[in-house]
N, C-alpha and C. Protein backbone atom coordinates (compact mmCIF):
# COMPACT_ATOMS: atom_id res chain seq x y z
N MET A 1 -25.87 32.69 26.70
CA MET A 1 -26.46 32.48 25.40
C MET A 1 -25.52 31.63 24.54
N THR A 2 -26.05 30.66 23.87
CA THR A 2 -25.22 29.86 22.98
C THR A 2 -25.64 30.03 21.52
N ASP A 3 -26.83 30.57 21.28
CA ASP A 3 -27.27 30.80 19.91
C ASP A 3 -26.44 31.93 19.31
N LEU A 4 -26.08 31.76 18.05
CA LEU A 4 -25.33 32.80 17.37
C LEU A 4 -26.29 33.82 16.78
N PRO A 5 -25.84 35.07 16.65
CA PRO A 5 -26.73 36.08 16.08
C PRO A 5 -27.08 35.76 14.63
N CYS A 6 -28.31 36.06 14.26
CA CYS A 6 -28.82 35.69 12.94
C CYS A 6 -28.16 36.46 11.81
N TRP A 7 -27.54 37.59 12.10
CA TRP A 7 -26.96 38.41 11.03
C TRP A 7 -25.55 37.99 10.64
N LEU A 8 -24.92 37.12 11.41
CA LEU A 8 -23.58 36.67 11.04
C LEU A 8 -23.64 35.76 9.83
N LYS A 9 -22.65 35.85 8.99
CA LYS A 9 -22.59 35.05 7.77
C LYS A 9 -21.28 34.29 7.69
N GLY A 10 -21.27 33.22 6.92
CA GLY A 10 -20.10 32.46 6.51
C GLY A 10 -18.93 32.38 7.45
N LYS A 11 -17.90 33.14 7.14
CA LYS A 11 -16.64 33.08 7.88
C LYS A 11 -16.84 33.47 9.34
N ALA A 12 -17.67 34.48 9.61
CA ALA A 12 -17.92 34.91 10.98
C ALA A 12 -18.57 33.80 11.80
N ILE A 13 -19.48 33.05 11.19
CA ILE A 13 -20.12 31.93 11.89
C ILE A 13 -19.09 30.84 12.18
N ALA A 14 -18.24 30.55 11.22
CA ALA A 14 -17.21 29.52 11.41
C ALA A 14 -16.29 29.88 12.57
N VAL A 15 -15.86 31.13 12.64
CA VAL A 15 -14.98 31.56 13.73
C VAL A 15 -15.74 31.57 15.05
N ALA A 16 -16.97 32.06 15.03
CA ALA A 16 -17.78 32.10 16.26
C ALA A 16 -17.97 30.71 16.83
N GLU A 17 -18.20 29.73 15.98
CA GLU A 17 -18.37 28.35 16.46
C GLU A 17 -17.10 27.83 17.12
N VAL A 18 -15.94 28.19 16.56
CA VAL A 18 -14.66 27.79 17.16
C VAL A 18 -14.49 28.47 18.51
N LEU A 19 -14.82 29.75 18.60
CA LEU A 19 -14.70 30.47 19.86
C LEU A 19 -15.63 29.90 20.92
N VAL A 20 -16.86 29.61 20.55
CA VAL A 20 -17.82 29.03 21.49
C VAL A 20 -17.32 27.67 21.98
N ALA A 21 -16.76 26.87 21.08
CA ALA A 21 -16.20 25.57 21.47
C ALA A 21 -15.02 25.75 22.44
N ASP A 22 -14.35 26.89 22.36
CA ASP A 22 -13.21 27.18 23.24
C ASP A 22 -13.65 27.77 24.58
N GLY A 23 -14.94 28.03 24.75
CA GLY A 23 -15.43 28.53 26.03
C GLY A 23 -15.98 29.94 25.99
N PHE A 24 -15.99 30.58 24.82
CA PHE A 24 -16.58 31.90 24.70
C PHE A 24 -18.10 31.79 24.71
N CYS A 25 -18.76 32.84 25.15
CA CYS A 25 -20.22 32.92 25.13
C CYS A 25 -20.63 34.13 24.32
N TYR A 26 -21.69 33.97 23.54
CA TYR A 26 -22.25 35.12 22.83
C TYR A 26 -23.01 35.94 23.85
N CYS A 27 -22.67 37.23 23.98
CA CYS A 27 -23.27 38.09 24.99
C CYS A 27 -24.37 38.99 24.44
N GLY A 28 -24.33 39.28 23.15
CA GLY A 28 -25.31 40.17 22.56
C GLY A 28 -24.63 41.18 21.66
N LYS A 29 -25.34 42.26 21.40
CA LYS A 29 -24.79 43.31 20.55
C LYS A 29 -23.74 44.11 21.31
N GLU A 30 -22.66 44.39 20.63
CA GLU A 30 -21.54 45.13 21.23
C GLU A 30 -22.01 46.44 21.85
N GLU A 31 -22.92 47.13 21.17
CA GLU A 31 -23.38 48.45 21.62
C GLU A 31 -24.11 48.39 22.97
N GLU A 32 -24.54 47.21 23.39
CA GLU A 32 -25.26 47.07 24.65
C GLU A 32 -24.32 46.88 25.85
N PHE A 33 -23.01 46.83 25.61
CA PHE A 33 -22.04 46.57 26.66
C PHE A 33 -20.95 47.63 26.67
N CYS A 34 -20.31 47.76 27.80
CA CYS A 34 -19.14 48.63 27.91
C CYS A 34 -17.95 47.77 27.50
N VAL A 35 -17.43 48.01 26.31
CA VAL A 35 -16.36 47.20 25.75
C VAL A 35 -15.04 47.93 25.89
N ASN A 36 -14.00 47.19 26.21
CA ASN A 36 -12.65 47.72 26.32
C ASN A 36 -12.30 48.50 25.05
N GLN A 37 -11.78 49.69 25.22
CA GLN A 37 -11.43 50.53 24.08
C GLN A 37 -10.13 50.12 23.39
N HIS A 38 -9.33 49.28 24.04
CA HIS A 38 -8.04 48.85 23.48
C HIS A 38 -8.20 47.50 22.80
N LEU A 39 -8.75 47.54 21.61
CA LEU A 39 -9.01 46.33 20.85
C LEU A 39 -8.02 46.21 19.71
N GLU A 40 -7.67 44.98 19.39
CA GLU A 40 -6.72 44.70 18.32
C GLU A 40 -7.43 43.95 17.20
N LEU A 41 -7.15 44.35 15.97
CA LEU A 41 -7.76 43.71 14.81
C LEU A 41 -7.05 42.41 14.49
N VAL A 42 -7.83 41.34 14.38
CA VAL A 42 -7.32 40.02 13.99
C VAL A 42 -8.28 39.50 12.93
N GLY A 43 -7.85 39.53 11.68
CA GLY A 43 -8.75 39.15 10.59
C GLY A 43 -9.95 40.09 10.57
N ASP A 44 -11.13 39.52 10.62
CA ASP A 44 -12.37 40.31 10.64
C ASP A 44 -12.86 40.56 12.06
N TRP A 45 -12.06 40.25 13.06
CA TRP A 45 -12.45 40.32 14.46
C TRP A 45 -11.62 41.36 15.21
N LEU A 46 -12.21 41.90 16.26
CA LEU A 46 -11.50 42.74 17.21
C LEU A 46 -11.42 41.96 18.51
N ILE A 47 -10.25 41.93 19.13
CA ILE A 47 -10.13 41.26 20.42
C ILE A 47 -9.42 42.17 21.41
N GLY A 48 -9.74 41.98 22.65
CA GLY A 48 -9.11 42.73 23.73
C GLY A 48 -9.42 42.08 25.05
N ASN A 49 -8.71 42.51 26.08
CA ASN A 49 -8.98 41.94 27.39
C ASN A 49 -9.12 43.03 28.43
N TRP A 50 -9.88 42.71 29.44
CA TRP A 50 -10.09 43.61 30.55
C TRP A 50 -10.08 42.74 31.79
N GLU A 51 -9.08 42.94 32.61
CA GLU A 51 -8.86 42.14 33.81
C GLU A 51 -8.83 40.66 33.43
N CYS A 52 -9.81 39.88 33.81
CA CYS A 52 -9.80 38.44 33.53
C CYS A 52 -10.85 38.04 32.51
N VAL A 53 -11.14 38.92 31.57
CA VAL A 53 -12.13 38.64 30.53
C VAL A 53 -11.53 39.00 29.18
N ILE A 54 -11.71 38.12 28.20
CA ILE A 54 -11.30 38.43 26.83
C ILE A 54 -12.56 38.58 26.00
N ASP A 55 -12.61 39.68 25.24
CA ASP A 55 -13.73 39.97 24.35
C ASP A 55 -13.29 39.75 22.91
N ALA A 56 -14.19 39.22 22.10
CA ALA A 56 -13.99 39.06 20.66
C ALA A 56 -15.25 39.60 19.99
N ILE A 57 -15.06 40.50 19.02
CA ILE A 57 -16.19 41.19 18.40
C ILE A 57 -16.08 41.11 16.89
N THR A 58 -17.19 40.82 16.24
CA THR A 58 -17.28 40.91 14.79
C THR A 58 -18.68 41.35 14.42
N ASP A 59 -18.77 42.23 13.46
CA ASP A 59 -20.06 42.68 12.92
C ASP A 59 -21.05 43.05 14.02
N GLY A 60 -20.54 43.67 15.10
CA GLY A 60 -21.41 44.12 16.18
C GLY A 60 -21.78 43.05 17.20
N ALA A 61 -21.33 41.82 17.00
CA ALA A 61 -21.64 40.73 17.94
C ALA A 61 -20.48 40.57 18.93
N LEU A 62 -20.80 40.54 20.22
CA LEU A 62 -19.80 40.43 21.27
C LEU A 62 -19.78 39.02 21.86
N PHE A 63 -18.59 38.44 21.86
CA PHE A 63 -18.35 37.15 22.49
C PHE A 63 -17.32 37.37 23.59
N SER A 64 -17.52 36.75 24.74
CA SER A 64 -16.60 36.93 25.86
C SER A 64 -16.26 35.60 26.51
N LYS A 65 -15.07 35.57 27.10
CA LYS A 65 -14.63 34.41 27.86
C LYS A 65 -14.09 34.92 29.19
N ASP A 66 -14.62 34.37 30.28
CA ASP A 66 -14.26 34.79 31.63
C ASP A 66 -13.20 33.85 32.20
N TYR A 67 -12.11 34.41 32.68
CA TYR A 67 -11.01 33.63 33.23
C TYR A 67 -10.88 33.82 34.75
N ASN A 68 -11.89 34.37 35.40
CA ASN A 68 -11.82 34.64 36.84
C ASN A 68 -11.54 33.39 37.66
N ASP A 69 -11.98 32.24 37.21
CA ASP A 69 -11.77 30.99 37.97
C ASP A 69 -10.53 30.23 37.52
N SER A 70 -9.77 30.80 36.60
CA SER A 70 -8.55 30.14 36.11
C SER A 70 -7.38 30.47 37.03
N GLU A 71 -6.66 29.45 37.42
CA GLU A 71 -5.56 29.64 38.36
C GLU A 71 -4.32 30.24 37.71
N ASN A 72 -3.94 29.77 36.54
CA ASN A 72 -2.71 30.20 35.89
C ASN A 72 -2.98 31.04 34.66
N TYR A 73 -3.87 32.02 34.76
CA TYR A 73 -4.24 32.85 33.63
C TYR A 73 -3.11 33.83 33.31
N ASP A 74 -2.62 33.77 32.09
CA ASP A 74 -1.61 34.70 31.58
C ASP A 74 -2.26 35.41 30.40
N SER A 75 -2.65 36.66 30.59
CA SER A 75 -3.43 37.36 29.57
C SER A 75 -2.68 37.47 28.24
N ASP A 76 -1.39 37.75 28.28
CA ASP A 76 -0.64 37.88 27.03
C ASP A 76 -0.61 36.58 26.24
N LYS A 77 -0.35 35.47 26.92
CA LYS A 77 -0.31 34.16 26.24
C LYS A 77 -1.70 33.79 25.72
N GLU A 78 -2.72 34.07 26.53
CA GLU A 78 -4.08 33.70 26.12
C GLU A 78 -4.55 34.55 24.95
N ILE A 79 -4.22 35.83 24.94
CA ILE A 79 -4.58 36.69 23.80
C ILE A 79 -3.90 36.17 22.53
N GLU A 80 -2.64 35.82 22.62
CA GLU A 80 -1.92 35.27 21.46
C GLU A 80 -2.56 33.97 20.97
N ARG A 81 -2.95 33.11 21.91
CA ARG A 81 -3.60 31.85 21.55
C ARG A 81 -4.93 32.11 20.84
N ILE A 82 -5.71 33.05 21.36
CA ILE A 82 -7.01 33.38 20.75
C ILE A 82 -6.80 33.99 19.37
N LYS A 83 -5.79 34.84 19.21
CA LYS A 83 -5.49 35.42 17.90
C LYS A 83 -5.16 34.31 16.89
N GLN A 84 -4.37 33.35 17.31
CA GLN A 84 -4.03 32.23 16.43
C GLN A 84 -5.26 31.38 16.12
N LEU A 85 -6.12 31.19 17.11
CA LEU A 85 -7.36 30.42 16.92
C LEU A 85 -8.25 31.09 15.87
N ILE A 86 -8.40 32.41 15.97
CA ILE A 86 -9.22 33.15 15.01
C ILE A 86 -8.60 33.08 13.62
N ALA A 87 -7.30 33.33 13.53
CA ALA A 87 -6.62 33.31 12.23
C ALA A 87 -6.74 31.94 11.57
N LYS A 88 -6.57 30.88 12.35
CA LYS A 88 -6.68 29.52 11.80
C LYS A 88 -8.10 29.23 11.35
N ALA A 89 -9.10 29.61 12.14
CA ALA A 89 -10.49 29.36 11.77
C ALA A 89 -10.86 30.10 10.49
N GLU A 90 -10.38 31.35 10.34
CA GLU A 90 -10.66 32.09 9.12
C GLU A 90 -9.96 31.46 7.92
N LEU A 91 -8.72 31.05 8.11
CA LEU A 91 -7.97 30.40 7.03
C LEU A 91 -8.61 29.07 6.63
N ASP A 92 -9.03 28.28 7.61
CA ASP A 92 -9.71 27.01 7.32
C ASP A 92 -10.98 27.26 6.53
N TRP A 93 -11.75 28.26 6.92
CA TRP A 93 -13.00 28.56 6.21
C TRP A 93 -12.70 28.99 4.78
N GLU A 94 -11.72 29.87 4.61
CA GLU A 94 -11.37 30.34 3.27
C GLU A 94 -10.82 29.20 2.42
N SER A 95 -10.05 28.30 3.01
CA SER A 95 -9.49 27.16 2.27
C SER A 95 -10.60 26.23 1.79
N CYS A 96 -11.57 25.97 2.64
CA CYS A 96 -12.70 25.11 2.24
C CYS A 96 -13.52 25.77 1.15
N LEU A 97 -13.70 27.07 1.24
CA LEU A 97 -14.46 27.79 0.23
C LEU A 97 -13.74 27.71 -1.12
N ASN A 98 -12.44 27.93 -1.11
CA ASN A 98 -11.68 27.87 -2.35
C ASN A 98 -11.62 26.46 -2.92
N GLU A 99 -11.52 25.47 -2.04
CA GLU A 99 -11.50 24.08 -2.47
C GLU A 99 -12.80 23.72 -3.19
N GLY A 100 -13.92 24.18 -2.63
CA GLY A 100 -15.21 23.92 -3.26
C GLY A 100 -15.34 24.63 -4.60
N GLN A 101 -14.80 25.83 -4.70
CA GLN A 101 -14.88 26.55 -5.96
C GLN A 101 -14.02 25.90 -7.02
N LEU A 102 -12.88 25.38 -6.64
CA LEU A 102 -12.00 24.73 -7.61
C LEU A 102 -12.63 23.47 -8.19
N SER A 103 -13.41 22.77 -7.36
CA SER A 103 -13.99 21.53 -7.82
C SER A 103 -15.09 21.77 -8.86
N LEU A 104 -15.58 22.99 -8.97
CA LEU A 104 -16.62 23.29 -9.94
C LEU A 104 -16.08 23.39 -11.36
N PHE A 105 -14.79 23.62 -11.49
CA PHE A 105 -14.22 23.84 -12.81
C PHE A 105 -13.80 22.57 -13.46
């Protein structure tokens, strides 16, 4: 699935688009899947990995990226990269929002 869930708003959509561009797929509602219980909070997102899959969740929407075909997969490095990707996407969204608000004054 490449369509984003209709209930996501603003910042969540901006981050989801960055994740999809990085190779994540929207899988559906989190409650419909068995999700790793060891999730870490990054901004408004929860991320975690299970074997060769990284999950990213926000507002009940589950996005996953499969690394089974990756030769040099290092889960710790990839989790850190994804955390930075999410943090940057949220910061970029917030910066653009604030920039637009400042121009109104």
